[in-house]
Amino acid sequence: MDCRQGENVCGHCPSVEVLFQSVAKYVGPNAVGVMLTGMGSDGADGMLAMRLAGAGTIAQDETTSVVYGMPKVAYERGGVEYMLPLDAIPNAISTLLTGKNARVRP
């Protein structure tokens, strides 16, 4: 795999969108995507692609986000399976990685 300078995607380089699209394509259901606080929409479509590919997807909730932009847009576009407070995200990642049938709790 090569990392190289490219065009801006969603106004950024590097872009979370490129990362998440790549994960959706190559890792699919074996991945967990997490969208944390941030401004804009970078990664929202990629998170949806990950979810459609079978990955677990988590976003930080509005209450614990400094800037709720990126998690909100990812949720609005349908890419978020679990919207959680920041302190619940590590446990949710662990739960998703140890068994797809496990229940994630806030």
PDB file of N, CA and C in Angstrom:
ATOM      1  N   MET A   1       0.834  -1.164   0.000  1.00  0.00           N
ATOM      2  CA  MET A   1       0.000   0.000   0.000  1.00  0.00           C
ATOM      3  C   MET A   1       0.882   1.231   0.000  1.00  0.00           C
ATOM      4  N   ASP A   2       0.504   2.212  -0.785  1.00  0.00           N
ATOM      5  CA  ASP A   2       1.253   3.459  -0.871  1.00  0.00           C
ATOM      6  C   ASP A   2       0.439   4.607  -0.309  1.00  0.00           C
ATOM      7  N   CYS A   3       1.095   5.483   0.409  1.00  0.00           N
ATOM      8  CA  CYS A   3       0.491   6.738   0.835  1.00  0.00           C
ATOM      9  C   CYS A   3       1.131   7.831   0.009  1.00  0.00           C
ATOM     10  N   ARG A   4       0.296   8.617  -0.637  1.00  0.00           N
ATOM     11  CA  ARG A   4       0.839   9.681  -1.471  1.00  0.00           C
ATOM     12  C   ARG A   4      -0.113  10.869  -1.480  1.00  0.00           C
ATOM     13  N   GLN A   5       0.426  12.016  -1.816  1.00  0.00           N
ATOM     14  CA  GLN A   5      -0.373  13.236  -1.896  1.00  0.00           C
ATOM     15  C   GLN A   5      -1.401  13.085  -3.009  1.00  0.00           C
ATOM     16  N   GLY A   6      -2.623  13.502  -2.747  1.00  0.00           N
ATOM     17  CA  GLY A   6      -3.675  13.437  -3.751  1.00  0.00           C
ATOM     18  C   GLY A   6      -4.542  14.673  -3.682  1.00  0.00           C
ATOM     19  N   GLU A   7      -5.642  14.601  -4.384  1.00  0.00           N
ATOM     20  CA  GLU A   7      -6.592  15.704  -4.400  1.00  0.00           C
ATOM     21  C   GLU A   7      -7.328  15.776  -3.059  1.00  0.00           C
ATOM     22  N   ASN A   8      -7.813  16.967  -2.750  1.00  0.00           N
ATOM     23  CA  ASN A   8      -8.660  17.105  -1.572  1.00  0.00           C
ATOM     24  C   ASN A   8      -9.958  16.336  -1.795  1.00  0.00           C
ATOM     25  N   VAL A   9     -10.422  15.657  -0.768  1.00  0.00           N
ATOM     26  CA  VAL A   9     -11.708  14.962  -0.767  1.00  0.00           C
ATOM     27  C   VAL A   9     -12.477  15.515   0.420  1.00  0.00           C
ATOM     28  N   CYS A  10     -13.686  15.959   0.203  1.00  0.00           N
ATOM     29  CA  CYS A  10     -14.482  16.607   1.260  1.00  0.00           C
ATOM     30  C   CYS A  10     -13.720  17.806   1.838  1.00  0.00           C
ATOM     31  N   GLY A  11     -12.889  18.413   1.015  1.00  0.00           N
ATOM     32  CA  GLY A  11     -12.130  19.584   1.439  1.00  0.00           C
ATOM     33  C   GLY A  11     -10.861  19.284   2.211  1.00  0.00           C
ATOM     34  N   HIS A  12     -10.470  18.006   2.288  1.00  0.00           N
ATOM     35  CA  HIS A  12      -9.321  17.630   3.114  1.00  0.00           C
ATOM     36  C   HIS A  12      -8.388  16.657   2.393  1.00  0.00           C
ATOM     37  N   CYS A  13      -7.136  16.711   2.781  1.00  0.00           N
ATOM     38  CA  CYS A  13      -6.153  15.727   2.361  1.00  0.00           C
ATOM     39  C   CYS A  13      -5.120  15.644   3.478  1.00  0.00           C
ATOM     40  N   PRO A  14      -5.074  14.560   4.219  1.00  0.00           N
ATOM     41  CA  PRO A  14      -5.830  13.330   4.023  1.00  0.00           C
ATOM     42  C   PRO A  14      -7.294  13.505   4.443  1.00  0.00           C
ATOM     43  N   SER A  15      -8.113  12.597   3.992  1.00  0.00           N
ATOM     44  CA  SER A  15      -9.541  12.655   4.246  1.00  0.00           C
ATOM     45  C   SER A  15     -10.029  11.370   4.902  1.00  0.00           C
ATOM     46  N   VAL A  16     -10.883  11.519   5.903  1.00  0.00           N
ATOM     47  CA  VAL A  16     -11.501  10.360   6.540  1.00  0.00           C
ATOM     48  C   VAL A  16     -12.366   9.619   5.519  1.00  0.00           C
ATOM     49  N   GLU A  17     -12.944  10.358   4.576  1.00  0.00           N
ATOM     50  CA  GLU A  17     -13.792   9.754   3.541  1.00  0.00           C
ATOM     51  C   GLU A  17     -13.027   8.683   2.769  1.00  0.00           C
ATOM     52  N   VAL A  18     -11.818   8.995   2.366  1.00  0.00           N
ATOM     53  CA  VAL A  18     -10.998   8.039   1.622  1.00  0.00           C
ATOM     54  C   VAL A  18     -10.702   6.818   2.475  1.00  0.00           C
ATOM     55  N   LEU A  19     -10.349   7.031   3.721  1.00  0.00           N
ATOM     56  CA  LEU A  19     -10.072   5.919   4.638  1.00  0.00           C
ATOM     57  C   LEU A  19     -11.288   5.014   4.783  1.00  0.00           C
ATOM     58  N   PHE A  20     -12.454   5.598   5.097  1.00  0.00           N
ATOM     59  CA  PHE A  20     -13.651   4.789   5.318  1.00  0.00           C
ATOM     60  C   PHE A  20     -14.107   4.072   4.048  1.00  0.00           C
ATOM     61  N   GLN A  21     -14.002   4.711   2.900  1.00  0.00           N
ATOM     62  CA  GLN A  21     -14.368   4.040   1.642  1.00  0.00           C
ATOM     63  C   GLN A  21     -13.452   2.839   1.400  1.00  0.00           C
ATOM     64  N   SER A  22     -12.190   2.997   1.687  1.00  0.00           N
ATOM     65  CA  SER A  22     -11.227   1.912   1.530  1.00  0.00           C
ATOM     66  C   SER A  22     -11.533   0.765   2.488  1.00  0.00           C
ATOM     67  N   VAL A  23     -11.856   1.093   3.733  1.00  0.00           N
ATOM     68  CA  VAL A  23     -12.207   0.070   4.716  1.00  0.00           C
ATOM     69  C   VAL A  23     -13.458  -0.682   4.265  1.00  0.00           C
ATOM     70  N   ALA A  24     -14.456   0.052   3.786  1.00  0.00           N
ATOM     71  CA  ALA A  24     -15.689  -0.590   3.306  1.00  0.00           C
ATOM     72  C   ALA A  24     -15.390  -1.575   2.191  1.00  0.00           C
ATOM     73  N   LYS A  25     -14.532  -1.177   1.277  1.00  0.00           N
ATOM     74  CA  LYS A  25     -14.217  -2.005   0.107  1.00  0.00           C
ATOM     75  C   LYS A  25     -13.375  -3.225   0.463  1.00  0.00           C
ATOM     76  N   TYR A  26     -12.381  -3.040   1.306  1.00  0.00           N
ATOM     77  CA  TYR A  26     -11.410  -4.109   1.533  1.00  0.00           C
ATOM     78  C   TYR A  26     -11.579  -4.890   2.836  1.00  0.00           C
ATOM     79  N   VAL A  27     -12.282  -4.331   3.814  1.00  0.00           N
ATOM     80  CA  VAL A  27     -12.413  -4.998   5.099  1.00  0.00           C
ATOM     81  C   VAL A  27     -13.868  -5.369   5.387  1.00  0.00           C
ATOM     82  N   GLY A  28     -14.794  -4.552   4.930  1.00  0.00           N
ATOM     83  CA  GLY A  28     -16.225  -4.839   5.037  1.00  0.00           C
ATOM     84  C   GLY A  28     -16.692  -5.201   6.424  1.00  0.00           C
ATOM     85  N   PRO A  29     -17.297  -6.376   6.579  1.00  0.00           N
ATOM     86  CA  PRO A  29     -17.909  -6.755   7.855  1.00  0.00           C
ATOM     87  C   PRO A  29     -16.903  -7.032   8.973  1.00  0.00           C
ATOM     88  N   ASN A  30     -15.635  -7.038   8.661  1.00  0.00           N
ATOM     89  CA  ASN A  30     -14.610  -7.284   9.674  1.00  0.00           C
ATOM     90  C   ASN A  30     -14.087  -5.989  10.295  1.00  0.00           C
ATOM     91  N   ALA A  31     -14.779  -4.886  10.046  1.00  0.00           N
ATOM     92  CA  ALA A  31     -14.313  -3.581  10.518  1.00  0.00           C
ATOM     93  C   ALA A  31     -15.304  -2.947  11.480  1.00  0.00           C
ATOM     94  N   VAL A  32     -14.781  -1.996  12.247  1.00  0.00           N
ATOM     95  CA  VAL A  32     -15.603  -1.119  13.078  1.00  0.00           C
ATOM     96  C   VAL A  32     -15.144   0.300  12.782  1.00  0.00           C
ATOM     97  N   GLY A  33     -16.082   1.158  12.411  1.00  0.00           N
ATOM     98  CA  GLY A  33     -15.779   2.561  12.134  1.00  0.00           C
ATOM     99  C   GLY A  33     -16.295   3.439  13.257  1.00  0.00           C
ATOM    100  N   VAL A  34     -15.499   4.434  13.634  1.00  0.00           N
ATOM    101  CA  VAL A  34     -15.876   5.346  14.708  1.00  0.00           C
ATOM    102  C   VAL A  34     -15.711   6.783  14.220  1.00  0.00           C
ATOM    103  N   MET A  35     -16.775   7.569  14.342  1.00  0.00           N
ATOM    104  CA  MET A  35     -16.748   8.977  13.978  1.00  0.00           C
ATOM    105  C   MET A  35     -16.818   9.794  15.260  1.00  0.00           C
ATOM    106  N   LEU A  36     -15.751  10.537  15.518  1.00  0.00           N
ATOM    107  CA  LEU A  36     -15.700  11.376  16.711  1.00  0.00           C
ATOM    108  C   LEU A  36     -15.984  12.832  16.346  1.00  0.00           C
ATOM    109  N   THR A  37     -16.050  13.671  17.371  1.00  0.00           N
ATOM    110  CA  THR A  37     -16.333  15.086  17.207  1.00  0.00           C
ATOM    111  C   THR A  37     -15.527  15.707  16.066  1.00  0.00           C
ATOM    112  N   GLY A  38     -16.138  16.595  15.322  1.00  0.00           N
ATOM    113  CA  GLY A  38     -15.448  17.265  14.226  1.00  0.00           C
ATOM    114  C   GLY A  38     -16.412  18.091  13.396  1.00  0.00           C
ATOM    115  N   MET A  39     -15.859  19.004  12.626  1.00  0.00           N
ATOM    116  CA  MET A  39     -16.656  19.925  11.844  1.00  0.00           C
ATOM    117  C   MET A  39     -16.771  19.445  10.394  1.00  0.00           C
ATOM    118  N   GLY A  40     -17.942  19.560   9.827  1.00  0.00           N
ATOM    119  CA  GLY A  40     -18.140  19.244   8.422  1.00  0.00           C
ATOM    120  C   GLY A  40     -18.737  17.869   8.208  1.00  0.00           C
ATOM    121  N   SER A  41     -18.504  17.351   7.003  1.00  0.00           N
ATOM    122  CA  SER A  41     -19.122  16.077   6.614  1.00  0.00           C
ATOM    123  C   SER A  41     -18.104  15.032   6.172  1.00  0.00           C
ATOM    124  N   ASP A  42     -16.821  15.307   6.363  1.00  0.00           N
ATOM    125  CA  ASP A  42     -15.786  14.366   5.946  1.00  0.00           C
ATOM    126  C   ASP A  42     -16.026  13.000   6.591  1.00  0.00           C
ATOM    127  N   GLY A  43     -16.124  11.966   5.777  1.00  0.00           N
ATOM    128  CA  GLY A  43     -16.285  10.608   6.267  1.00  0.00           C
ATOM    129  C   GLY A  43     -17.711  10.115   6.367  1.00  0.00           C
ATOM    130  N   ALA A  44     -18.695  10.995   6.206  1.00  0.00           N
ATOM    131  CA  ALA A  44     -20.096  10.587   6.380  1.00  0.00           C
ATOM    132  C   ALA A  44     -20.525   9.554   5.338  1.00  0.00           C
ATOM    133  N   ASP A  45     -20.211   9.781   4.078  1.00  0.00           N
ATOM    134  CA  ASP A  45     -20.581   8.809   3.043  1.00  0.00           C
ATOM    135  C   ASP A  45     -19.765   7.531   3.182  1.00  0.00           C
ATOM    136  N   GLY A  46     -18.511   7.664   3.582  1.00  0.00           N
ATOM    137  CA  GLY A  46     -17.670   6.488   3.809  1.00  0.00           C
ATOM    138  C   GLY A  46     -18.176   5.643   4.944  1.00  0.00           C
ATOM    139  N   MET A  47     -18.693   6.279   6.004  1.00  0.00           N
ATOM    140  CA  MET A  47     -19.256   5.518   7.113  1.00  0.00           C
ATOM    141  C   MET A  47     -20.512   4.777   6.662  1.00  0.00           C
ATOM    142  N   LEU A  48     -21.312   5.405   5.818  1.00  0.00           N
ATOM    143  CA  LEU A  48     -22.480   4.722   5.268  1.00  0.00           C
ATOM    144  C   LEU A  48     -22.038   3.527   4.429  1.00  0.00           C
ATOM    145  N   ALA A  49     -21.010   3.696   3.625  1.00  0.00           N
ATOM    146  CA  ALA A  49     -20.485   2.584   2.822  1.00  0.00           C
ATOM    147  C   ALA A  49     -20.010   1.452   3.719  1.00  0.00           C
ATOM    148  N   MET A  50     -19.364   1.799   4.822  1.00  0.00           N
ATOM    149  CA  MET A  50     -18.922   0.771   5.774  1.00  0.00           C
ATOM    150  C   MET A  50     -20.112   0.022   6.353  1.00  0.00           C
ATOM    151  N   ARG A  51     -21.135   0.763   6.752  1.00  0.00           N
ATOM    152  CA  ARG A  51     -22.315   0.111   7.336  1.00  0.00           C
ATOM    153  C   ARG A  51     -22.986  -0.806   6.320  1.00  0.00           C
ATOM    154  N   LEU A  52     -23.116  -0.334   5.085  1.00  0.00           N
ATOM    155  CA  LEU A  52     -23.729  -1.152   4.042  1.00  0.00           C
ATOM    156  C   LEU A  52     -22.890  -2.390   3.720  1.00  0.00           C
ATOM    157  N   ALA A  53     -21.576  -2.300   3.972  1.00  0.00           N
ATOM    158  CA  ALA A  53     -20.681  -3.435   3.751  1.00  0.00           C
ATOM    159  C   ALA A  53     -20.672  -4.392   4.940  1.00  0.00           C
ATOM    160  N   GLY A  54     -21.425  -4.063   5.993  1.00  0.00           N
ATOM    161  CA  GLY A  54     -21.525  -4.964   7.137  1.00  0.00           C
ATOM    162  C   GLY A  54     -20.670  -4.605   8.332  1.00  0.00           C
ATOM    163  N   ALA A  55     -19.956  -3.506   8.267  1.00  0.00           N
ATOM    164  CA  ALA A  55     -19.118  -3.088   9.393  1.00  0.00           C
ATOM    165  C   ALA A  55     -19.990  -2.527  10.505  1.00  0.00           C
ATOM    166  N   GLY A  56     -19.497  -2.611  11.731  1.00  0.00           N
ATOM    167  CA  GLY A  56     -20.145  -1.913  12.835  1.00  0.00           C
ATOM    168  C   GLY A  56     -19.771  -0.441  12.752  1.00  0.00           C
ATOM    169  N   THR A  57     -20.710   0.448  13.011  1.00  0.00           N
ATOM    170  CA  THR A  57     -20.421   1.881  12.942  1.00  0.00           C
ATOM    171  C   THR A  57     -20.933   2.588  14.190  1.00  0.00           C
ATOM    172  N   ILE A  58     -20.078   3.451  14.715  1.00  0.00           N
ATOM    173  CA  ILE A  58     -20.344   4.166  15.957  1.00  0.00           C
ATOM    174  C   ILE A  58     -20.035   5.637  15.732  1.00  0.00           C
ATOM    175  N   ALA A  59     -20.854   6.509  16.322  1.00  0.00           N
ATOM    176  CA  ALA A  59     -20.548   7.940  16.305  1.00  0.00           C
ATOM    177  C   ALA A  59     -20.722   8.502  17.702  1.00  0.00           C
ATOM    178  N   GLN A  60     -19.951   9.538  17.978  1.00  0.00           N
ATOM    179  CA  GLN A  60     -20.028  10.212  19.270  1.00  0.00           C
ATOM    180  C   GLN A  60     -21.305  11.047  19.328  1.00  0.00           C
ATOM    181  N   ASP A  61     -21.998  10.989  20.443  1.00  0.00           N
ATOM    182  CA  ASP A  61     -23.260  11.720  20.581  1.00  0.00           C
ATOM    183  C   ASP A  61     -23.038  13.228  20.726  1.00  0.00           C
ATOM    184  N   GLU A  62     -24.122  13.967  20.565  1.00  0.00           N
ATOM    185  CA  GLU A  62     -24.048  15.427  20.609  1.00  0.00           C
ATOM    186  C   GLU A  62     -23.602  15.950  21.976  1.00  0.00           C
ATOM    187  N   THR A  63     -24.073  15.331  23.031  1.00  0.00           N
ATOM    188  CA  THR A  63     -23.784  15.806  24.385  1.00  0.00           C
ATOM    189  C   THR A  63     -22.294  15.820  24.691  1.00  0.00           C
ATOM    190  N   THR A  64     -21.559  14.814  24.221  1.00  0.00           N
ATOM    191  CA  THR A  64     -20.134  14.725  24.557  1.00  0.00           C
ATOM    192  C   THR A  64     -19.225  15.254  23.445  1.00  0.00           C
ATOM    193  N   SER A  65     -19.794  15.691  22.332  1.00  0.00           N
ATOM    194  CA  SER A  65     -18.995  16.241  21.235  1.00  0.00           C
ATOM    195  C   SER A  65     -18.720  17.724  21.454  1.00  0.00           C
ATOM    196  N   VAL A  66     -17.508  18.141  21.160  1.00  0.00           N
ATOM    197  CA  VAL A  66     -17.179  19.560  21.169  1.00  0.00           C
ATOM    198  C   VAL A  66     -17.839  20.214  19.950  1.00  0.00           C
ATOM    199  N   VAL A  67     -17.723  19.552  18.802  1.00  0.00           N
ATOM    200  CA  VAL A  67     -18.371  19.977  17.559  1.00  0.00           C
ATOM    201  C   VAL A  67     -19.114  18.760  17.027  1.00  0.00           C
ATOM    202  N   TYR A  68     -20.422  18.843  16.910  1.00  0.00           N
ATOM    203  CA  TYR A  68     -21.255  17.707  16.543  1.00  0.00           C
ATOM    204  C   TYR A  68     -21.444  17.551  15.030  1.00  0.00           C
ATOM    205  N   GLY A  69     -20.687  18.251  14.218  1.00  0.00           N
ATOM    206  CA  GLY A  69     -20.877  18.232  12.772  1.00  0.00           C
ATOM    207  C   GLY A  69     -20.690  16.876  12.110  1.00  0.00           C
ATOM    208  N   MET A  70     -19.516  16.304  12.200  1.00  0.00           N
ATOM    209  CA  MET A  70     -19.229  15.040  11.506  1.00  0.00           C
ATOM    210  C   MET A  70     -20.097  13.888  11.999  1.00  0.00           C
ATOM    211  N   PRO A  71     -20.231  13.681  13.318  1.00  0.00           N
ATOM    212  CA  PRO A  71     -21.118  12.604  13.765  1.00  0.00           C
ATOM    213  C   PRO A  71     -22.572  12.814  13.329  1.00  0.00           C
ATOM    214  N   LYS A  72     -23.035  14.055  13.380  1.00  0.00           N
ATOM    215  CA  LYS A  72     -24.418  14.366  13.003  1.00  0.00           C
ATOM    216  C   LYS A  72     -24.681  14.050  11.536  1.00  0.00           C
ATOM    217  N   VAL A  73     -23.787  14.473  10.651  1.00  0.00           N
ATOM    218  CA  VAL A  73     -23.975  14.223   9.221  1.00  0.00           C
ATOM    219  C   VAL A  73     -23.909  12.725   8.927  1.00  0.00           C
ATOM    220  N   ALA A  74     -22.987  12.029   9.563  1.00  0.00           N
ATOM    221  CA  ALA A  74     -22.902  10.575   9.370  1.00  0.00           C
ATOM    222  C   ALA A  74     -24.209   9.904   9.793  1.00  0.00           C
ATOM    223  N   TYR A  75     -24.787  10.355  10.900  1.00  0.00           N
ATOM    224  CA  TYR A  75     -26.064   9.823  11.376  1.00  0.00           C
ATOM    225  C   TYR A  75     -27.188  10.151  10.391  1.00  0.00           C
ATOM    226  N   GLU A  76     -27.253  11.396   9.974  1.00  0.00           N
ATOM    227  CA  GLU A  76     -28.311  11.828   9.055  1.00  0.00           C
ATOM    228  C   GLU A  76     -28.273  11.065   7.729  1.00  0.00           C
ATOM    229  N   ARG A  77     -27.095  10.676   7.298  1.00  0.00           N
ATOM    230  CA  ARG A  77     -26.959   9.934   6.030  1.00  0.00           C
ATOM    231  C   ARG A  77     -27.152   8.434   6.196  1.00  0.00           C
ATOM    232  N   GLY A  78     -27.384   7.980   7.428  1.00  0.00           N
ATOM    233  CA  GLY A  78     -27.673   6.573   7.666  1.00  0.00           C
ATOM    234  C   GLY A  78     -26.471   5.703   7.958  1.00  0.00           C
ATOM    235  N   GLY A  79     -25.322   6.309   8.171  1.00  0.00           N
ATOM    236  CA  GLY A  79     -24.115   5.527   8.387  1.00  0.00           C
ATOM    237  C   GLY A  79     -23.858   5.098   9.812  1.00  0.00           C
ATOM    238  N   VAL A  80     -24.624   5.615  10.763  1.00  0.00           N
ATOM    239  CA  VAL A  80     -24.361   5.346  12.176  1.00  0.00           C
ATOM    240  C   VAL A  80     -25.308   4.278  12.707  1.00  0.00           C
ATOM    241  N   GLU A  81     -24.726   3.214  13.197  1.00  0.00           N
ATOM    242  CA  GLU A  81     -25.498   2.147  13.827  1.00  0.00           C
ATOM    243  C   GLU A  81     -25.717   2.452  15.312  1.00  0.00           C
ATOM    244  N   TYR A  82     -24.685   2.969  15.974  1.00  0.00           N
ATOM    245  CA  TYR A  82     -24.752   3.278  17.398  1.00  0.00           C
ATOM    246  C   TYR A  82     -24.267   4.701  17.639  1.00  0.00           C
ATOM    247  N   MET A  83     -25.104   5.539  18.261  1.00  0.00           N
ATOM    248  CA  MET A  83     -24.738   6.896  18.660  1.00  0.00           C
ATOM    249  C   MET A  83     -24.520   6.852  20.167  1.00  0.00           C
ATOM    250  N   LEU A  84     -23.273   7.081  20.601  1.00  0.00           N
ATOM    251  CA  LEU A  84     -22.918   6.850  22.006  1.00  0.00           C
ATOM    252  C   LEU A  84     -22.127   8.001  22.594  1.00  0.00           C
ATOM    253  N   PRO A  85     -22.199   8.157  23.933  1.00  0.00           N
ATOM    254  CA  PRO A  85     -21.319   9.118  24.593  1.00  0.00           C
ATOM    255  C   PRO A  85     -19.869   8.644  24.495  1.00  0.00           C
ATOM    256  N   LEU A  86     -18.969   9.582  24.529  1.00  0.00           N
ATOM    257  CA  LEU A  86     -17.548   9.274  24.343  1.00  0.00           C
ATOM    258  C   LEU A  86     -17.058   8.163  25.259  1.00  0.00           C
ATOM    259  N   ASP A  87     -17.448   8.186  26.514  1.00  0.00           N
ATOM    260  CA  ASP A  87     -16.922   7.188  27.453  1.00  0.00           C
ATOM    261  C   ASP A  87     -17.481   5.780  27.221  1.00  0.00           C
ATOM    262  N   ALA A  88     -18.525   5.628  26.413  1.00  0.00           N
ATOM    263  CA  ALA A  88     -19.078   4.300  26.107  1.00  0.00           C
ATOM    264  C   ALA A  88     -18.496   3.703  24.827  1.00  0.00           C
ATOM    265  N   ILE A  89     -17.783   4.498  24.066  1.00  0.00           N
ATOM    266  CA  ILE A  89     -17.283   4.027  22.768  1.00  0.00           C
ATOM    267  C   ILE A  89     -16.235   2.924  22.889  1.00  0.00           C
ATOM    268  N   PRO A  90     -15.250   3.004  23.780  1.00  0.00           N
ATOM    269  CA  PRO A  90     -14.273   1.904  23.860  1.00  0.00           C
ATOM    270  C   PRO A  90     -14.909   0.540  24.128  1.00  0.00           C
ATOM    271  N   ASN A  91     -15.862   0.491  25.046  1.00  0.00           N
ATOM    272  CA  ASN A  91     -16.532  -0.766  25.348  1.00  0.00           C
ATOM    273  C   ASN A  91     -17.338  -1.252  24.137  1.00  0.00           C
ATOM    274  N   ALA A  92     -17.969  -0.334  23.429  1.00  0.00           N
ATOM    275  CA  ALA A  92     -18.745  -0.705  22.243  1.00  0.00           C
ATOM    276  C   ALA A  92     -17.839  -1.283  21.160  1.00  0.00           C
ATOM    277  N   ILE A  93     -16.678  -0.704  20.970  1.00  0.00           N
ATOM    278  CA  ILE A  93     -15.719  -1.236  19.992  1.00  0.00           C
ATOM    279  C   ILE A  93     -15.344  -2.661  20.378  1.00  0.00           C
ATOM    280  N   SER A  94     -15.011  -2.859  21.649  1.00  0.00           N
ATOM    281  CA  SER A  94     -14.649  -4.187  22.128  1.00  0.00           C
ATOM    282  C   SER A  94     -15.781  -5.180  21.912  1.00  0.00           C
ATOM    283  N   THR A  95     -17.005  -4.773  22.218  1.00  0.00           N
ATOM    284  CA  THR A  95     -18.169  -5.638  22.042  1.00  0.00           C
ATOM    285  C   THR A  95     -18.342  -6.026  20.578  1.00  0.00           C
ATOM    286  N   LEU A  96     -18.239  -5.058  19.692  1.00  0.00           N
ATOM    287  CA  LEU A  96     -18.407  -5.351  18.264  1.00  0.00           C
ATOM    288  C   LEU A  96     -17.297  -6.251  17.726  1.00  0.00           C
ATOM    289  N   LEU A  97     -16.089  -6.070  18.223  1.00  0.00           N
ATOM    290  CA  LEU A  97     -14.967  -6.881  17.734  1.00  0.00           C
ATOM    291  C   LEU A  97     -14.998  -8.317  18.256  1.00  0.00           C
ATOM    292  N   THR A  98     -15.652  -8.529  19.390  1.00  0.00           N
ATOM    293  CA  THR A  98     -15.671  -9.877  19.958  1.00  0.00           C
ATOM    294  C   THR A  98     -16.877 -10.702  19.545  1.00  0.00           C
ATOM    295  N   GLY A  99     -17.858 -10.087  18.924  1.00  0.00           N
ATOM    296  CA  GLY A  99     -18.999 -10.857  18.468  1.00  0.00           C
ATOM    297  C   GLY A  99     -20.095  -9.992  17.884  1.00  0.00           C
ATOM    298  N   LYS A 100     -20.406 -10.213  16.635  1.00  0.00           N
ATOM    299  CA  LYS A 100     -21.410  -9.410  15.946  1.00  0.00           C
ATOM    300  C   LYS A 100     -22.786  -9.499  16.585  1.00  0.00           C
ATOM    301  N   ASN A 101     -23.092 -10.583  17.292  1.00  0.00           N
ATOM    302  CA  ASN A 101     -24.404 -10.721  17.911  1.00  0.00           C
ATOM    303  C   ASN A 101     -24.469 -10.104  19.298  1.00  0.00           C
ATOM    304  N   ALA A 102     -23.342  -9.559  19.756  1.00  0.00           N
ATOM    305  CA  ALA A 102     -23.316  -8.930  21.073  1.00  0.00           C
ATOM    306  C   ALA A 102     -24.092  -7.621  21.031  1.00  0.00           C
ATOM    307  N   ARG A 103     -24.640  -7.252  22.166  1.00  0.00           N
ATOM    308  CA  ARG A 103     -25.411  -6.009  22.263  1.00  0.00           C
ATOM    309  C   ARG A 103     -24.525  -4.881  22.760  1.00  0.00           C
ATOM    310  N   VAL A 104     -24.556  -3.770  22.051  1.00  0.00           N
ATOM    311  CA  VAL A 104     -23.840  -2.570  22.472  1.00  0.00           C
ATOM    312  C   VAL A 104     -24.769  -1.761  23.365  1.00  0.00           C
ATOM    313  N   ARG A 105     -24.232  -1.324  24.499  1.00  0.00           N
ATOM    314  CA  ARG A 105     -25.033  -0.533  25.439  1.00  0.00           C
ATOM    315  C   ARG A 105     -24.323   0.794  25.727  1.00  0.00           C
ATOM    316  N   PRO A 106     -25.120   1.856  25.854  1.00  0.00           N
ATOM    317  CA  PRO A 106     -24.515   3.163  26.196  1.00  0.00           C
ATOM    318  C   PRO A 106     -23.973   3.192  27.609  1.00  0.00           C
TER     319      PRO A 106
END
